[in-house]
Amino acid sequence: MREVIVYTTEPCGFCTRVKMLLKAREIAFREVSLAGDPEGVVALAEKTGMTTLPQVTVGGILVGGYDDTAAADASGMLADLVAD
């Protein structure tokens, strides 16, 4: 299984929703909270090109935010990405 990382902040309803989605699919993930870390948010944005949170990566591949992750789940792409 590829590593799933969820970059979050607080308060963030979409962060909570994406974590709930991953838990419901029994996909293990590591959460990296960027709350109170503006430099970390800027560095992540420079790396991914996204300026919003949450951001979900699978094996270093950016899936996107909550809407992108939910769409990837619905299409089966998320399961494919997570699988070895």
N, C-alpha and C. Protein backbone atom coordinates (compact mmCIF):
# COMPACT_ATOMS: atom_id res chain seq x y z
N MET A 1 0.84 -1.18 0.00
CA MET A 1 0.00 0.00 0.00
C MET A 1 0.89 1.24 0.00
N ARG A 2 0.57 2.17 -0.86
CA ARG A 2 1.34 3.41 -0.93
C ARG A 2 1.00 4.32 0.24
N GLU A 3 1.96 5.16 0.62
CA GLU A 3 1.74 6.08 1.72
C GLU A 3 0.78 7.18 1.33
N VAL A 4 -0.20 7.41 2.20
CA VAL A 4 -1.17 8.48 2.00
C VAL A 4 -0.89 9.54 3.05
N ILE A 5 -0.73 10.78 2.60
CA ILE A 5 -0.49 11.90 3.51
C ILE A 5 -1.60 12.91 3.30
N VAL A 6 -2.17 13.38 4.41
CA VAL A 6 -3.21 14.40 4.38
C VAL A 6 -2.67 15.64 5.08
N TYR A 7 -2.50 16.71 4.34
CA TYR A 7 -2.06 17.99 4.90
C TYR A 7 -3.30 18.77 5.31
N THR A 8 -3.34 19.19 6.57
CA THR A 8 -4.54 19.83 7.12
C THR A 8 -4.20 21.12 7.84
N THR A 9 -5.26 21.82 8.24
CA THR A 9 -5.16 22.98 9.11
C THR A 9 -6.38 22.96 10.02
N GLU A 10 -6.49 23.91 10.89
CA GLU A 10 -7.64 24.01 11.79
C GLU A 10 -8.10 25.44 11.88
N PRO A 11 -9.38 25.72 12.00
CA PRO A 11 -10.48 24.80 11.75
C PRO A 11 -10.65 24.58 10.25
N CYS A 12 -11.10 23.39 9.88
CA CYS A 12 -11.22 23.06 8.46
C CYS A 12 -12.21 21.92 8.30
N GLY A 13 -13.42 22.26 7.88
CA GLY A 13 -14.44 21.25 7.68
C GLY A 13 -14.09 20.26 6.58
N PHE A 14 -13.46 20.74 5.50
CA PHE A 14 -13.09 19.84 4.42
C PHE A 14 -11.97 18.89 4.85
N CYS A 15 -11.11 19.34 5.75
CA CYS A 15 -10.06 18.47 6.30
C CYS A 15 -10.71 17.31 7.06
N THR A 16 -11.69 17.63 7.87
CA THR A 16 -12.41 16.61 8.64
C THR A 16 -13.11 15.65 7.69
N ARG A 17 -13.74 16.18 6.66
CA ARG A 17 -14.47 15.33 5.71
C ARG A 17 -13.55 14.38 4.95
N VAL A 18 -12.38 14.86 4.53
CA VAL A 18 -11.49 13.99 3.77
C VAL A 18 -10.93 12.89 4.68
N LYS A 19 -10.65 13.21 5.94
CA LYS A 19 -10.18 12.18 6.87
C LYS A 19 -11.28 11.15 7.14
N MET A 20 -12.52 11.60 7.25
CA MET A 20 -13.64 10.68 7.44
C MET A 20 -13.80 9.75 6.23
N LEU A 21 -13.63 10.29 5.03
CA LEU A 21 -13.72 9.49 3.81
C LEU A 21 -12.65 8.40 3.81
N LEU A 22 -11.42 8.79 4.10
CA LEU A 22 -10.33 7.81 4.10
C LEU A 22 -10.55 6.75 5.17
N LYS A 23 -10.99 7.15 6.35
CA LYS A 23 -11.27 6.18 7.41
C LYS A 23 -12.40 5.23 7.01
N ALA A 24 -13.44 5.76 6.36
CA ALA A 24 -14.56 4.93 5.92
C ALA A 24 -14.11 3.88 4.91
N ARG A 25 -13.10 4.21 4.11
CA ARG A 25 -12.56 3.26 3.11
C ARG A 25 -11.43 2.41 3.69
N GLU A 26 -11.17 2.61 4.98
CA GLU A 26 -10.09 1.89 5.69
C GLU A 26 -8.74 2.10 5.02
N ILE A 27 -8.51 3.34 4.60
CA ILE A 27 -7.23 3.73 4.02
C ILE A 27 -6.42 4.43 5.10
N ALA A 28 -5.31 3.81 5.47
CA ALA A 28 -4.44 4.39 6.49
C ALA A 28 -3.77 5.63 5.92
N PHE A 29 -3.62 6.65 6.75
CA PHE A 29 -2.99 7.88 6.30
C PHE A 29 -2.22 8.52 7.45
N ARG A 30 -1.29 9.37 7.05
CA ARG A 30 -0.54 10.17 8.02
C ARG A 30 -1.01 11.60 7.84
N GLU A 31 -1.37 12.22 8.95
CA GLU A 31 -1.82 13.61 8.92
C GLU A 31 -0.66 14.54 9.25
N VAL A 32 -0.50 15.56 8.43
CA VAL A 32 0.49 16.61 8.69
C VAL A 32 -0.29 17.91 8.88
N SER A 33 -0.36 18.36 10.12
CA SER A 33 -1.09 19.59 10.42
C SER A 33 -0.19 20.79 10.16
N LEU A 34 -0.70 21.71 9.36
CA LEU A 34 0.03 22.94 9.07
C LEU A 34 -0.59 24.13 9.79
N ALA A 35 -1.44 23.84 10.77
CA ALA A 35 -2.05 24.90 11.58
C ALA A 35 -0.95 25.68 12.28
N GLY A 36 -0.96 26.98 12.14
CA GLY A 36 0.04 27.82 12.78
C GLY A 36 1.41 27.76 12.13
N ASP A 37 1.49 27.22 10.92
CA ASP A 37 2.77 27.09 10.22
C ASP A 37 2.67 27.71 8.83
N PRO A 38 2.62 29.05 8.75
CA PRO A 38 2.46 29.68 7.43
C PRO A 38 3.60 29.36 6.47
N GLU A 39 4.81 29.18 6.98
CA GLU A 39 5.93 28.83 6.10
C GLU A 39 5.71 27.44 5.50
N GLY A 40 5.16 26.53 6.30
CA GLY A 40 4.86 25.18 5.82
C GLY A 40 3.79 25.20 4.74
N VAL A 41 2.79 26.06 4.90
CA VAL A 41 1.73 26.19 3.90
C VAL A 41 2.31 26.73 2.60
N VAL A 42 3.18 27.73 2.69
CA VAL A 42 3.80 28.30 1.49
C VAL A 42 4.67 27.26 0.80
N ALA A 43 5.46 26.52 1.57
CA ALA A 43 6.32 25.49 0.98
C ALA A 43 5.50 24.40 0.29
N LEU A 44 4.40 24.00 0.90
CA LEU A 44 3.53 22.99 0.29
C LEU A 44 2.92 23.54 -0.99
N ALA A 45 2.45 24.78 -0.96
CA ALA A 45 1.86 25.39 -2.15
C ALA A 45 2.87 25.47 -3.29
N GLU A 46 4.12 25.79 -2.97
CA GLU A 46 5.16 25.85 -4.00
C GLU A 46 5.41 24.47 -4.60
N LYS A 47 5.32 23.44 -3.77
CA LYS A 47 5.57 22.07 -4.21
C LYS A 47 4.42 21.52 -5.06
N THR A 48 3.17 21.79 -4.64
CA THR A 48 2.02 21.17 -5.30
C THR A 48 1.29 22.08 -6.28
N GLY A 49 1.45 23.40 -6.11
CA GLY A 49 0.70 24.33 -6.94
C GLY A 49 -0.69 24.62 -6.41
N MET A 50 -1.08 23.97 -5.32
CA MET A 50 -2.38 24.20 -4.69
C MET A 50 -2.19 25.14 -3.50
N THR A 51 -3.12 26.06 -3.31
CA THR A 51 -3.00 26.99 -2.19
C THR A 51 -4.02 26.74 -1.09
N THR A 52 -4.84 25.71 -1.26
CA THR A 52 -5.86 25.41 -0.26
C THR A 52 -5.56 24.09 0.45
N LEU A 53 -6.20 23.93 1.60
CA LEU A 53 -6.10 22.69 2.36
C LEU A 53 -7.50 22.15 2.58
N PRO A 54 -7.66 20.84 2.66
CA PRO A 54 -6.64 19.83 2.75
C PRO A 54 -6.00 19.54 1.39
N GLN A 55 -4.87 18.86 1.47
CA GLN A 55 -4.24 18.30 0.29
C GLN A 55 -3.91 16.86 0.60
N VAL A 56 -4.26 15.99 -0.33
CA VAL A 56 -4.04 14.56 -0.16
C VAL A 56 -3.03 14.10 -1.20
N THR A 57 -2.00 13.39 -0.74
CA THR A 57 -1.05 12.78 -1.67
C THR A 57 -1.03 11.28 -1.43
N VAL A 58 -0.82 10.53 -2.50
CA VAL A 58 -0.71 9.08 -2.42
C VAL A 58 0.58 8.69 -3.13
N GLY A 59 1.52 8.16 -2.38
CA GLY A 59 2.79 7.79 -2.98
C GLY A 59 3.49 8.96 -3.63
N GLY A 60 3.30 10.15 -3.07
CA GLY A 60 3.92 11.35 -3.61
C GLY A 60 3.15 12.00 -4.73
N ILE A 61 2.05 11.40 -5.16
CA ILE A 61 1.21 11.94 -6.23
C ILE A 61 0.09 12.76 -5.60
N LEU A 62 -0.07 14.00 -6.04
CA LEU A 62 -1.12 14.85 -5.52
C LEU A 62 -2.47 14.40 -6.06
N VAL A 63 -3.39 14.04 -5.14
CA VAL A 63 -4.76 13.72 -5.52
C VAL A 63 -5.56 15.02 -5.55
N GLY A 64 -5.36 15.87 -4.56
CA GLY A 64 -6.03 17.16 -4.49
C GLY A 64 -6.68 17.36 -3.14
N GLY A 65 -7.71 18.20 -3.13
CA GLY A 65 -8.44 18.48 -1.90
C GLY A 65 -9.57 17.50 -1.69
N TYR A 66 -10.55 17.89 -0.86
CA TYR A 66 -11.65 16.98 -0.56
C TYR A 66 -12.43 16.60 -1.82
N ASP A 67 -12.85 17.58 -2.61
CA ASP A 67 -13.66 17.28 -3.79
C ASP A 67 -12.93 16.35 -4.75
N ASP A 68 -11.65 16.60 -4.97
CA ASP A 68 -10.85 15.76 -5.86
C ASP A 68 -10.71 14.35 -5.30
N THR A 69 -10.50 14.24 -4.00
CA THR A 69 -10.35 12.94 -3.36
C THR A 69 -11.66 12.17 -3.41
N ALA A 70 -12.79 12.85 -3.16
CA ALA A 70 -14.10 12.20 -3.23
C ALA A 70 -14.38 11.71 -4.66
N ALA A 71 -14.03 12.52 -5.66
CA ALA A 71 -14.22 12.12 -7.05
C ALA A 71 -13.33 10.93 -7.40
N ALA A 72 -12.09 10.94 -6.92
CA ALA A 72 -11.18 9.82 -7.16
C ALA A 72 -11.71 8.55 -6.50
N ASP A 73 -12.30 8.70 -5.33
CA ASP A 73 -12.91 7.56 -4.65
C ASP A 73 -14.08 7.02 -5.45
N ALA A 74 -14.96 7.90 -5.90
CA ALA A 74 -16.15 7.48 -6.64
C ALA A 74 -15.81 6.78 -7.95
N SER A 75 -14.72 7.19 -8.58
CA SER A 75 -14.32 6.60 -9.87
C SER A 75 -13.50 5.33 -9.71
N GLY A 76 -13.05 5.04 -8.48
CA GLY A 76 -12.18 3.88 -8.27
C GLY A 76 -10.71 4.21 -8.38
N MET A 77 -10.39 5.42 -8.81
CA MET A 77 -9.00 5.82 -8.98
C MET A 77 -8.24 5.85 -7.65
N LEU A 78 -8.91 6.26 -6.58
CA LEU A 78 -8.25 6.33 -5.28
C LEU A 78 -7.78 4.95 -4.84
N ALA A 79 -8.64 3.96 -4.97
CA ALA A 79 -8.27 2.59 -4.60
C ALA A 79 -7.09 2.10 -5.44
N ASP A 80 -7.10 2.43 -6.73
CA ASP A 80 -6.00 2.05 -7.62
C ASP A 80 -4.70 2.70 -7.21
N LEU A 81 -4.75 3.99 -6.85
CA LEU A 81 -3.55 4.71 -6.44
C LEU A 81 -2.97 4.14 -5.15
N VAL A 82 -3.84 3.80 -4.22
CA VAL A 82 -3.39 3.32 -2.92
C VAL A 82 -2.78 1.93 -3.02
N ALA A 83 -3.33 1.09 -3.89
CA ALA A 83 -2.86 -0.29 -4.03
C ALA A 83 -1.44 -0.31 -4.60
N ASP A 84 -0.72 -1.32 -4.21
CA ASP A 84 0.64 -1.49 -4.76
C ASP A 84 0.59 -1.92 -6.20
